[in-house]
Structures are given as structure tokens and as C-alpha cells.
PDB file of N, CA and C in Angstrom:
ATOM      1  N   MET A   1       0.832  -1.177   0.000  1.00  0.00           N
ATOM      2  CA  MET A   1       0.000   0.000   0.000  1.00  0.00           C
ATOM      3  C   MET A   1       0.876   1.240   0.000  1.00  0.00           C
ATOM      4  N   LEU A   2       0.595   2.180  -0.844  1.00  0.00           N
ATOM      5  CA  LEU A   2       1.337   3.429  -0.899  1.00  0.00           C
ATOM      6  C   LEU A   2       0.465   4.549  -0.390  1.00  0.00           C
ATOM      7  N   VAL A   3       1.097   5.465   0.338  1.00  0.00           N
ATOM      8  CA  VAL A   3       0.387   6.609   0.896  1.00  0.00           C
ATOM      9  C   VAL A   3       1.160   7.864   0.552  1.00  0.00           C
ATOM     10  N   THR A   4       0.493   8.868   0.029  1.00  0.00           N
ATOM     11  CA  THR A   4       1.149  10.134  -0.258  1.00  0.00           C
ATOM     12  C   THR A   4       1.320  10.887   1.050  1.00  0.00           C
ATOM     13  N   VAL A   5       2.532  11.324   1.342  1.00  0.00           N
ATOM     14  CA  VAL A   5       2.792  12.058   2.569  1.00  0.00           C
ATOM     15  C   VAL A   5       2.245  13.468   2.450  1.00  0.00           C
ATOM     16  N   PRO A   6       2.031  14.162   3.598  1.00  0.00           N
ATOM     17  CA  PRO A   6       1.386  15.477   3.565  1.00  0.00           C
ATOM     18  C   PRO A   6       2.044  16.495   2.644  1.00  0.00           C
ATOM     19  N   ASP A   7       3.368  16.457   2.491  1.00  0.00           N
ATOM     20  CA  ASP A   7       4.002  17.452   1.629  1.00  0.00           C
ATOM     21  C   ASP A   7       3.801  17.126   0.146  1.00  0.00           C
ATOM     22  N   GLY A   8       3.229  15.954  -0.142  1.00  0.00           N
ATOM     23  CA  GLY A   8       2.906  15.578  -1.504  1.00  0.00           C
ATOM     24  C   GLY A   8       4.100  15.273  -2.383  1.00  0.00           C
ATOM     25  N   GLN A   9       5.305  15.181  -1.810  1.00  0.00           N
ATOM     26  CA  GLN A   9       6.497  15.028  -2.623  1.00  0.00           C
ATOM     27  C   GLN A   9       6.962  13.589  -2.795  1.00  0.00           C
ATOM     28  N   ARG A  10       6.553  12.682  -1.911  1.00  0.00           N
ATOM     29  CA  ARG A  10       6.996  11.303  -2.062  1.00  0.00           C
ATOM     30  C   ARG A  10       5.985  10.369  -1.422  1.00  0.00           C
ATOM     31  N   GLU A  11       6.173   9.093  -1.647  1.00  0.00           N
ATOM     32  CA  GLU A  11       5.265   8.097  -1.103  1.00  0.00           C
ATOM     33  C   GLU A  11       6.039   7.109  -0.252  1.00  0.00           C
ATOM     34  N   VAL A  12       5.348   6.500   0.702  1.00  0.00           N
ATOM     35  CA  VAL A  12       5.960   5.539   1.613  1.00  0.00           C
ATOM     36  C   VAL A  12       5.056   4.322   1.675  1.00  0.00           C
ATOM     37  N   SER A  13       5.642   3.145   1.748  1.00  0.00           N
ATOM     38  CA  SER A  13       4.843   1.931   1.910  1.00  0.00           C
ATOM     39  C   SER A  13       5.189   1.288   3.241  1.00  0.00           C
ATOM     40  N   ASP A  14       4.305   0.404   3.740  1.00  0.00           N
ATOM     41  CA  ASP A  14       4.615  -0.354   4.943  1.00  0.00           C
ATOM     42  C   ASP A  14       5.883  -1.144   4.686  1.00  0.00           C
ATOM     43  N   VAL A  15       6.648  -1.399   5.742  1.00  0.00           N
ATOM     44  CA  VAL A  15       7.954  -2.043   5.622  1.00  0.00           C
ATOM     45  C   VAL A  15       7.879  -3.348   4.850  1.00  0.00           C
ATOM     46  N   ASP A  16       6.910  -4.205   5.176  1.00  0.00           N
ATOM     47  CA  ASP A  16       6.845  -5.504   4.510  1.00  0.00           C
ATOM     48  C   ASP A  16       5.801  -5.525   3.395  1.00  0.00           C
ATOM     49  N   GLY A  17       5.242  -4.369   3.048  1.00  0.00           N
ATOM     50  CA  GLY A  17       4.297  -4.293   1.950  1.00  0.00           C
ATOM     51  C   GLY A  17       2.869  -4.660   2.315  1.00  0.00           C
ATOM     52  N   ARG A  18       2.627  -5.112   3.555  1.00  0.00           N
ATOM     53  CA  ARG A  18       1.265  -5.464   3.965  1.00  0.00           C
ATOM     54  C   ARG A  18       0.505  -4.223   4.388  1.00  0.00           C
ATOM     55  N   ASP A  19      -0.773  -4.307   4.339  1.00  0.00           N
ATOM     56  CA  ASP A  19      -1.644  -3.233   4.794  1.00  0.00           C
ATOM     57  C   ASP A  19      -2.013  -3.530   6.243  1.00  0.00           C
ATOM     58  N   VAL A  20      -1.134  -3.159   7.162  1.00  0.00           N
ATOM     59  CA  VAL A  20      -1.328  -3.434   8.581  1.00  0.00           C
ATOM     60  C   VAL A  20      -2.344  -2.458   9.141  1.00  0.00           C
ATOM     61  N   ARG A  21      -3.384  -2.991   9.758  1.00  0.00           N
ATOM     62  CA  ARG A  21      -4.440  -2.177  10.362  1.00  0.00           C
ATOM     63  C   ARG A  21      -4.675  -2.681  11.787  1.00  0.00           C
ATOM     64  N   PRO A  22      -3.905  -2.143  12.748  1.00  0.00           N
ATOM     65  CA  PRO A  22      -4.001  -2.638  14.125  1.00  0.00           C
ATOM     66  C   PRO A  22      -5.374  -2.388  14.738  1.00  0.00           C
ATOM     67  N   SER A  23      -5.780  -3.298  15.631  1.00  0.00           N
ATOM     68  CA  SER A  23      -7.065  -3.138  16.327  1.00  0.00           C
ATOM     69  C   SER A  23      -6.930  -3.597  17.775  1.00  0.00           C
ATOM     70  N   TRP A  24      -7.709  -2.956  18.627  1.00  0.00           N
ATOM     71  CA  TRP A  24      -7.695  -3.282  20.050  1.00  0.00           C
ATOM     72  C   TRP A  24      -8.243  -4.680  20.266  1.00  0.00           C
ATOM     73  N   ARG A  25      -7.792  -5.322  21.330  1.00  0.00           N
ATOM     74  CA  ARG A  25      -8.401  -6.586  21.743  1.00  0.00           C
ATOM     75  C   ARG A  25      -9.722  -6.274  22.427  1.00  0.00           C
ATOM     76  N   ALA A  26     -10.679  -7.169  22.315  1.00  0.00           N
ATOM     77  CA  ALA A  26     -12.005  -6.969  22.904  1.00  0.00           C
ATOM     78  C   ALA A  26     -11.935  -6.831  24.424  1.00  0.00           C
ATOM     79  N   GLU A  27     -10.890  -7.374  25.026  1.00  0.00           N
ATOM     80  CA  GLU A  27     -10.752  -7.346  26.483  1.00  0.00           C
ATOM     81  C   GLU A  27     -10.177  -6.034  27.005  1.00  0.00           C
ATOM     82  N   THR A  28      -9.949  -5.069  26.133  1.00  0.00           N
ATOM     83  CA  THR A  28      -9.423  -3.776  26.563  1.00  0.00           C
ATOM     84  C   THR A  28     -10.530  -2.735  26.550  1.00  0.00           C
ATOM     85  N   SER A  29     -10.374  -1.754  27.408  1.00  0.00           N
ATOM     86  CA  SER A  29     -11.278  -0.610  27.414  1.00  0.00           C
ATOM     87  C   SER A  29     -10.446   0.635  27.703  1.00  0.00           C
ATOM     88  N   ALA A  30     -10.939   1.783  27.300  1.00  0.00           N
ATOM     89  CA  ALA A  30     -10.198   3.028  27.461  1.00  0.00           C
ATOM     90  C   ALA A  30     -11.103   4.090  28.069  1.00  0.00           C
ATOM     91  N   PHE A  31     -10.506   4.875  28.971  1.00  0.00           N
ATOM     92  CA  PHE A  31     -11.234   5.911  29.676  1.00  0.00           C
ATOM     93  C   PHE A  31     -10.398   7.186  29.710  1.00  0.00           C
ATOM     94  N   PRO A  32     -10.988   8.336  29.390  1.00  0.00           N
ATOM     95  CA  PRO A  32     -10.234   9.591  29.461  1.00  0.00           C
ATOM     96  C   PRO A  32      -9.951   9.969  30.916  1.00  0.00           C
ATOM     97  N   LEU A  33      -8.778  10.554  31.142  1.00  0.00           N
ATOM     98  CA  LEU A  33      -8.384  11.056  32.458  1.00  0.00           C
ATOM     99  C   LEU A  33      -7.607  12.345  32.219  1.00  0.00           C
ATOM    100  N   ASP A  34      -8.263  13.475  32.441  1.00  0.00           N
ATOM    101  CA  ASP A  34      -7.688  14.783  32.128  1.00  0.00           C
ATOM    102  C   ASP A  34      -7.277  14.792  30.652  1.00  0.00           C
ATOM    103  N   ASP A  35      -6.001  15.054  30.347  1.00  0.00           N
ATOM    104  CA  ASP A  35      -5.564  15.079  28.945  1.00  0.00           C
ATOM    105  C   ASP A  35      -4.899  13.772  28.533  1.00  0.00           C
ATOM    106  N   GLU A  36      -5.074  12.734  29.349  1.00  0.00           N
ATOM    107  CA  GLU A  36      -4.498  11.429  29.057  1.00  0.00           C
ATOM    108  C   GLU A  36      -5.613  10.407  28.836  1.00  0.00           C
ATOM    109  N   LEU A  37      -5.209   9.196  28.493  1.00  0.00           N
ATOM    110  CA  LEU A  37      -6.162   8.116  28.283  1.00  0.00           C
ATOM    111  C   LEU A  37      -5.674   6.910  29.076  1.00  0.00           C
ATOM    112  N   VAL A  38      -6.556   6.310  29.849  1.00  0.00           N
ATOM    113  CA  VAL A  38      -6.216   5.105  30.600  1.00  0.00           C
ATOM    114  C   VAL A  38      -6.771   3.915  29.832  1.00  0.00           C
ATOM    115  N   VAL A  39      -5.888   2.982  29.484  1.00  0.00           N
ATOM    116  CA  VAL A  39      -6.288   1.757  28.800  1.00  0.00           C
ATOM    117  C   VAL A  39      -6.198   0.627  29.824  1.00  0.00           C
ATOM    118  N   TYR A  40      -7.294  -0.109  29.964  1.00  0.00           N
ATOM    119  CA  TYR A  40      -7.368  -1.206  30.933  1.00  0.00           C
ATOM    120  C   TYR A  40      -7.489  -2.528  30.184  1.00  0.00           C
ATOM    121  N   ASP A  41      -6.661  -3.488  30.578  1.00  0.00           N
ATOM    122  CA  ASP A  41      -6.702  -4.840  30.013  1.00  0.00           C
ATOM    123  C   ASP A  41      -7.348  -5.752  31.049  1.00  0.00           C
ATOM    124  N   ALA A  42      -8.578  -6.169  30.793  1.00  0.00           N
ATOM    125  CA  ALA A  42      -9.330  -6.987  31.750  1.00  0.00           C
ATOM    126  C   ALA A  42      -8.686  -8.349  31.984  1.00  0.00           C
ATOM    127  N   ASP A  43      -8.015  -8.897  30.972  1.00  0.00           N
ATOM    128  CA  ASP A  43      -7.369 -10.208  31.140  1.00  0.00           C
ATOM    129  C   ASP A  43      -6.220 -10.160  32.135  1.00  0.00           C
ATOM    130  N   SER A  44      -5.383  -9.150  32.042  1.00  0.00           N
ATOM    131  CA  SER A  44      -4.206  -9.070  32.910  1.00  0.00           C
ATOM    132  C   SER A  44      -4.456  -8.240  34.157  1.00  0.00           C
ATOM    133  N   GLY A  45      -5.496  -7.417  34.126  1.00  0.00           N
ATOM    134  CA  GLY A  45      -5.771  -6.521  35.243  1.00  0.00           C
ATOM    135  C   GLY A  45      -4.860  -5.298  35.254  1.00  0.00           C
ATOM    136  N   ARG A  46      -4.133  -5.096  34.194  1.00  0.00           N
ATOM    137  CA  ARG A  46      -3.196  -3.974  34.113  1.00  0.00           C
ATOM    138  C   ARG A  46      -3.837  -2.760  33.455  1.00  0.00           C
ATOM    139  N   SER A  47      -3.389  -1.593  33.901  1.00  0.00           N
ATOM    140  CA  SER A  47      -3.808  -0.319  33.314  1.00  0.00           C
ATOM    141  C   SER A  47      -2.592   0.390  32.760  1.00  0.00           C
ATOM    142  N   TYR A  48      -2.798   1.137  31.698  1.00  0.00           N
ATOM    143  CA  TYR A  48      -1.732   1.898  31.041  1.00  0.00           C
ATOM    144  C   TYR A  48      -2.236   3.321  30.861  1.00  0.00           C
ATOM    145  N   VAL A  49      -1.414   4.293  31.256  1.00  0.00           N
ATOM    146  CA  VAL A  49      -1.776   5.699  31.096  1.00  0.00           C
ATOM    147  C   VAL A  49      -1.031   6.227  29.868  1.00  0.00           C
ATOM    148  N   LEU A  50      -1.796   6.697  28.888  1.00  0.00           N
ATOM    149  CA  LEU A  50      -1.228   7.160  27.619  1.00  0.00           C
ATOM    150  C   LEU A  50      -1.237   8.688  27.559  1.00  0.00           C
ATOM    151  N   ASN A  51      -0.125   9.263  27.111  1.00  0.00           N
ATOM    152  CA  ASN A  51      -0.072  10.712  26.890  1.00  0.00           C
ATOM    153  C   ASN A  51      -0.907  11.038  25.648  1.00  0.00           C
ATOM    154  N   PRO A  52      -1.108  12.327  25.346  1.00  0.00           N
ATOM    155  CA  PRO A  52      -1.966  12.679  24.203  1.00  0.00           C
ATOM    156  C   PRO A  52      -1.540  12.057  22.865  1.00  0.00           C
ATOM    157  N   THR A  53      -0.235  11.971  22.614  1.00  0.00           N
ATOM    158  CA  THR A  53       0.218  11.383  21.354  1.00  0.00           C
ATOM    159  C   THR A  53      -0.117   9.901  21.298  1.00  0.00           C
ATOM    160  N   ALA A  54       0.208   9.183  22.374  1.00  0.00           N
ATOM    161  CA  ALA A  54      -0.095   7.752  22.433  1.00  0.00           C
ATOM    162  C   ALA A  54      -1.602   7.518  22.397  1.00  0.00           C
ATOM    163  N   ALA A  55      -2.370   8.393  23.035  1.00  0.00           N
ATOM    164  CA  ALA A  55      -3.832   8.262  23.032  1.00  0.00           C
ATOM    165  C   ALA A  55      -4.387   8.424  21.620  1.00  0.00           C
ATOM    166  N   CYS A  56      -3.833   9.356  20.867  1.00  0.00           N
ATOM    167  CA  CYS A  56      -4.264   9.559  19.480  1.00  0.00           C
ATOM    168  C   CYS A  56      -4.007   8.292  18.666  1.00  0.00           C
ATOM    169  N   ILE A  57      -2.828   7.714  18.839  1.00  0.00           N
ATOM    170  CA  ILE A  57      -2.502   6.479  18.125  1.00  0.00           C
ATOM    171  C   ILE A  57      -3.444   5.362  18.561  1.00  0.00           C
ATOM    172  N   TRP A  58      -3.673   5.211  19.858  1.00  0.00           N
ATOM    173  CA  TRP A  58      -4.562   4.164  20.376  1.00  0.00           C
ATOM    174  C   TRP A  58      -5.959   4.283  19.763  1.00  0.00           C
ATOM    175  N   GLU A  59      -6.495   5.478  19.751  1.00  0.00           N
ATOM    176  CA  GLU A  59      -7.854   5.684  19.242  1.00  0.00           C
ATOM    177  C   GLU A  59      -7.978   5.323  17.760  1.00  0.00           C
ATOM    178  N   LEU A  60      -6.869   5.404  17.028  1.00  0.00           N
ATOM    179  CA  LEU A  60      -6.887   5.066  15.604  1.00  0.00           C
ATOM    180  C   LEU A  60      -6.597   3.582  15.347  1.00  0.00           C
ATOM    181  N   CYS A  61      -6.348   2.826  16.410  1.00  0.00           N
ATOM    182  CA  CYS A  61      -6.139   1.371  16.280  1.00  0.00           C
ATOM    183  C   CYS A  61      -7.504   0.679  16.289  1.00  0.00           C
ATOM    184  N   ASP A  62      -8.323   1.024  15.337  1.00  0.00           N
ATOM    185  CA  ASP A  62      -9.695   0.540  15.259  1.00  0.00           C
ATOM    186  C   ASP A  62      -9.893  -0.520  14.175  1.00  0.00           C
ATOM    187  N   GLY A  63      -8.789  -0.955  13.570  1.00  0.00           N
ATOM    188  CA  GLY A  63      -8.879  -1.935  12.502  1.00  0.00           C
ATOM    189  C   GLY A  63      -9.185  -1.319  11.144  1.00  0.00           C
ATOM    190  N   LEU A  64      -9.406  -0.025  11.110  1.00  0.00           N
ATOM    191  CA  LEU A  64      -9.724   0.671   9.861  1.00  0.00           C
ATOM    192  C   LEU A  64      -8.548   1.461   9.315  1.00  0.00           C
ATOM    193  N   HIS A  65      -7.627   1.877  10.176  1.00  0.00           N
ATOM    194  CA  HIS A  65      -6.510   2.744   9.782  1.00  0.00           C
ATOM    195  C   HIS A  65      -5.213   1.962   9.654  1.00  0.00           C
ATOM    196  N   SER A  66      -4.509   2.174   8.559  1.00  0.00           N
ATOM    197  CA  SER A  66      -3.185   1.578   8.371  1.00  0.00           C
ATOM    198  C   SER A  66      -2.160   2.402   9.146  1.00  0.00           C
ATOM    199  N   LEU A  67      -0.942   1.875   9.284  1.00  0.00           N
ATOM    200  CA  LEU A  67       0.108   2.614   9.983  1.00  0.00           C
ATOM    201  C   LEU A  67       0.402   3.956   9.302  1.00  0.00           C
ATOM    202  N   PRO A  68       0.529   3.991   7.965  1.00  0.00           N
ATOM    203  CA  PRO A  68       0.746   5.298   7.323  1.00  0.00           C
ATOM    204  C   PRO A  68      -0.420   6.273   7.542  1.00  0.00           C
ATOM    205  N   ALA A  69      -1.644   5.765   7.562  1.00  0.00           N
ATOM    206  CA  ALA A  69      -2.799   6.638   7.792  1.00  0.00           C
ATOM    207  C   ALA A  69      -2.788   7.189   9.216  1.00  0.00           C
ATOM    208  N   ILE A  70      -2.401   6.358  10.180  1.00  0.00           N
ATOM    209  CA  ILE A  70      -2.286   6.824  11.563  1.00  0.00           C
ATOM    210  C   ILE A  70      -1.204   7.893  11.651  1.00  0.00           C
ATOM    211  N   ALA A  71      -0.078   7.666  10.986  1.00  0.00           N
ATOM    212  CA  ALA A  71       1.012   8.638  10.991  1.00  0.00           C
ATOM    213  C   ALA A  71       0.560   9.964  10.385  1.00  0.00           C
ATOM    214  N   GLN A  72      -0.212   9.910   9.315  1.00  0.00           N
ATOM    215  CA  GLN A  72      -0.713  11.148   8.703  1.00  0.00           C
ATOM    216  C   GLN A  72      -1.586  11.919   9.684  1.00  0.00           C
ATOM    217  N   GLN A  73      -2.400  11.210  10.458  1.00  0.00           N
ATOM    218  CA  GLN A  73      -3.238  11.876  11.453  1.00  0.00           C
ATOM    219  C   GLN A  73      -2.375  12.560  12.519  1.00  0.00           C
ATOM    220  N   LEU A  74      -1.268  11.919  12.910  1.00  0.00           N
ATOM    221  CA  LEU A  74      -0.356  12.537  13.876  1.00  0.00           C
ATOM    222  C   LEU A  74       0.259  13.811  13.310  1.00  0.00           C
ATOM    223  N   CYS A  75       0.611  13.779  12.032  1.00  0.00           N
ATOM    224  CA  CYS A  75       1.172  14.973  11.382  1.00  0.00           C
ATOM    225  C   CYS A  75       0.228  16.153  11.507  1.00  0.00           C
ATOM    226  N   VAL A  76      -1.029  15.898  11.268  1.00  0.00           N
ATOM    227  CA  VAL A  76      -2.042  16.949  11.328  1.00  0.00           C
ATOM    228  C   VAL A  76      -2.265  17.401  12.769  1.00  0.00           C
ATOM    229  N   ALA A  77      -2.420  16.448  13.690  1.00  0.00           N
ATOM    230  CA  ALA A  77      -2.763  16.767  15.069  1.00  0.00           C
ATOM    231  C   ALA A  77      -1.626  17.445  15.835  1.00  0.00           C
ATOM    232  N   PHE A  78      -0.379  17.069  15.531  1.00  0.00           N
ATOM    233  CA  PHE A  78       0.740  17.541  16.336  1.00  0.00           C
ATOM    234  C   PHE A  78       1.793  18.315  15.541  1.00  0.00           C
ATOM    235  N   ALA A  79       1.525  18.572  14.271  1.00  0.00           N
ATOM    236  CA  ALA A  79       2.430  19.347  13.412  1.00  0.00           C
ATOM    237  C   ALA A  79       3.861  18.814  13.476  1.00  0.00           C
ATOM    238  N   ILE A  80       4.007  17.511  13.205  1.00  0.00           N
ATOM    239  CA  ILE A  80       5.330  16.895  13.185  1.00  0.00           C
ATOM    240  C   ILE A  80       5.590  16.317  11.798  1.00  0.00           C
ATOM    241  N   PRO A  81       6.859  16.124  11.437  1.00  0.00           N
ATOM    242  CA  PRO A  81       7.184  15.558  10.125  1.00  0.00           C
ATOM    243  C   PRO A  81       6.679  14.116   9.994  1.00  0.00           C
ATOM    244  N   TYR A  82       6.339  13.746   8.776  1.00  0.00           N
ATOM    245  CA  TYR A  82       5.771  12.429   8.516  1.00  0.00           C
ATOM    246  C   TYR A  82       6.691  11.294   8.964  1.00  0.00           C
ATOM    247  N   GLU A  83       7.958  11.359   8.642  1.00  0.00           N
ATOM    248  CA  GLU A  83       8.886  10.268   8.995  1.00  0.00           C
ATOM    249  C   GLU A  83       8.945  10.063  10.500  1.00  0.00           C
ATOM    250  N   ARG A  84       8.970  11.159  11.261  1.00  0.00           N
ATOM    251  CA  ARG A  84       8.969  11.045  12.725  1.00  0.00           C
ATOM    252  C   ARG A  84       7.663  10.412  13.200  1.00  0.00           C
ATOM    253  N   ALA A  85       6.555  10.849  12.630  1.00  0.00           N
ATOM    254  CA  ALA A  85       5.254  10.302  13.017  1.00  0.00           C
ATOM    255  C   ALA A  85       5.190   8.803  12.735  1.00  0.00           C
ATOM    256  N   LEU A  86       5.651   8.386  11.564  1.00  0.00           N
ATOM    257  CA  LEU A  86       5.615   6.972  11.202  1.00  0.00           C
ATOM    258  C   LEU A  86       6.506   6.149  12.134  1.00  0.00           C
ATOM    259  N   ASP A  87       7.684   6.667  12.471  1.00  0.00           N
ATOM    260  CA  ASP A  87       8.562   5.977  13.429  1.00  0.00           C
ATOM    261  C   ASP A  87       7.879   5.836  14.785  1.00  0.00           C
ATOM    262  N   ASP A  88       7.237   6.924  15.247  1.00  0.00           N
ATOM    263  CA  ASP A  88       6.528   6.885  16.532  1.00  0.00           C
ATOM    264  C   ASP A  88       5.391   5.875  16.512  1.00  0.00           C
ATOM    265  N   VAL A  89       4.645   5.855  15.415  1.00  0.00           N
ATOM    266  CA  VAL A  89       3.526   4.917  15.287  1.00  0.00           C
ATOM    267  C   VAL A  89       4.031   3.481  15.338  1.00  0.00           C
ATOM    268  N   ARG A  90       5.048   3.178  14.555  1.00  0.00           N
ATOM    269  CA  ARG A  90       5.582   1.807  14.534  1.00  0.00           C
ATOM    270  C   ARG A  90       6.082   1.386  15.911  1.00  0.00           C
ATOM    271  N   GLU A  91       6.799   2.281  16.590  1.00  0.00           N
ATOM    272  CA  GLU A  91       7.335   1.963  17.911  1.00  0.00           C
ATOM    273  C   GLU A  91       6.213   1.708  18.917  1.00  0.00           C
ATOM    274  N   LEU A  92       5.201   2.567  18.911  1.00  0.00           N
ATOM    275  CA  LEU A  92       4.115   2.415  19.875  1.00  0.00           C
ATOM    276  C   LEU A  92       3.250   1.200  19.565  1.00  0.00           C
ATOM    277  N   ILE A  93       3.019   0.915  18.296  1.00  0.00           N
ATOM    278  CA  ILE A  93       2.259  -0.289  17.930  1.00  0.00           C
ATOM    279  C   ILE A  93       3.009  -1.527  18.423  1.00  0.00           C
ATOM    280  N   ASP A  94       4.326  -1.538  18.285  1.00  0.00           N
ATOM    281  CA  ASP A  94       5.131  -2.648  18.820  1.00  0.00           C
ATOM    282  C   ASP A  94       4.951  -2.757  20.333  1.00  0.00           C
ATOM    283  N   ASP A  95       4.948  -1.618  21.028  1.00  0.00           N
ATOM    284  CA  ASP A  95       4.748  -1.614  22.484  1.00  0.00           C
ATOM    285  C   ASP A  95       3.357  -2.131  22.846  1.00  0.00           C
ATOM    286  N   PHE A  96       2.345  -1.694  22.105  1.00  0.00           N
ATOM    287  CA  PHE A  96       0.980  -2.179  22.361  1.00  0.00           C
ATOM    288  C   PHE A  96       0.893  -3.688  22.161  1.00  0.00           C
ATOM    289  N   HIS A  97       1.524  -4.194  21.106  1.00  0.00           N
ATOM    290  CA  HIS A  97       1.532  -5.638  20.866  1.00  0.00           C
ATOM    291  C   HIS A  97       2.257  -6.374  21.997  1.00  0.00           C
ATOM    292  N   ALA A  98       3.410  -5.855  22.414  1.00  0.00           N
ATOM    293  CA  ALA A  98       4.181  -6.489  23.485  1.00  0.00           C
ATOM    294  C   ALA A  98       3.397  -6.528  24.789  1.00  0.00           C
ATOM    295  N   ALA A  99       2.571  -5.531  25.033  1.00  0.00           N
ATOM    296  CA  ALA A  99       1.744  -5.495  26.237  1.00  0.00           C
ATOM    297  C   ALA A  99       0.490  -6.351  26.092  1.00  0.00           C
ATOM    298  N   GLY A 100       0.250  -6.879  24.886  1.00  0.00           N
ATOM    299  CA  GLY A 100      -0.926  -7.717  24.665  1.00  0.00           C
ATOM    300  C   GLY A 100      -2.227  -6.941  24.507  1.00  0.00           C
ATOM    301  N   LEU A 101      -2.124  -5.673  24.118  1.00  0.00           N
ATOM    302  CA  LEU A 101      -3.315  -4.833  23.996  1.00  0.00           C
ATOM    303  C   LEU A 101      -3.993  -4.892  22.636  1.00  0.00           C
ATOM    304  N   LEU A 102      -3.260  -5.356  21.628  1.00  0.00           N
ATOM    305  CA  LEU A 102      -3.806  -5.398  20.267  1.00  0.00           C
ATOM    306  C   LEU A 102      -4.086  -6.820  19.820  1.00  0.00           C
ATOM    307  N   ALA A 103      -5.069  -6.963  18.972  1.00  0.00           N
ATOM    308  CA  ALA A 103      -5.397  -8.264  18.387  1.00  0.00           C
ATOM    309  C   ALA A 103      -4.258  -8.714  17.480  1.00  0.00           C
ATOM    310  N   ALA A 104      -4.078 -10.012  17.361  1.00  0.00           N
ATOM    311  CA  ALA A 104      -3.047 -10.548  16.483  1.00  0.00           C
ATOM    312  C   ALA A 104      -3.371 -10.189  15.045  1.00  0.00           C
ATOM    313  N   GLN A 105      -2.344  -9.918  14.248  1.00  0.00           N
ATOM    314  CA  GLN A 105      -2.523  -9.546  12.844  1.00  0.00           C
ATOM    315  C   GLN A 105      -2.500 -10.798  11.991  1.00  0.00           C
TER     316      GLN A 105
END
């Protein structure tokens, strides 16, 4: 899958060429807390407090958005360069998977 970056000058594809669309596990729930988001995993009993950037990424892990699409949303929301946003998205998605918060792909 190719996605045109906000500056319109080049395109980027997912690392392995798949259209990865992360989604939350059914056993997780999220609750706002001031400007953060608390994600609770009912299976493990663990809670995670997400800052605004991580919360934005979490909310877009709905199974509908690809990693490049999530990164584009970060560019708009936080006025950051696309490459940085994509790196942040990939890193946080890996963290969410390691914590067992996302459904298997």
C-alpha cells in the first residue's frame, strides 16, 4: 500500500508491503483522564496511562486505519514531520503488541 505524505512530494509503503491495520483486543477498554487516556486490560488486570500522542494512536487502532494513515493523522494533530510520526507509530504499535493490547494480525 502506498500513501502520499502530507508534503505531496513522495510516497511511503509499509515495511513488509502489507496493509497493517491494528485493532484493540475486545478485552481492553479506554477511559479519558484529564488530557491522558487510561487503557485497561481486563485479562491481565493492568492499566496503562497514555499521553496525548499515544492516546491519538490508540484511538486510531480501530482496525480501519493503516500505519501510514495513523502517521498522517499525527502529522495533522501535532504538526510533526511524517517520517517522525511513522517511526513513533511503529514503535508504539510494537509496544501495544508487546503489552498484549492489540489483536493478532
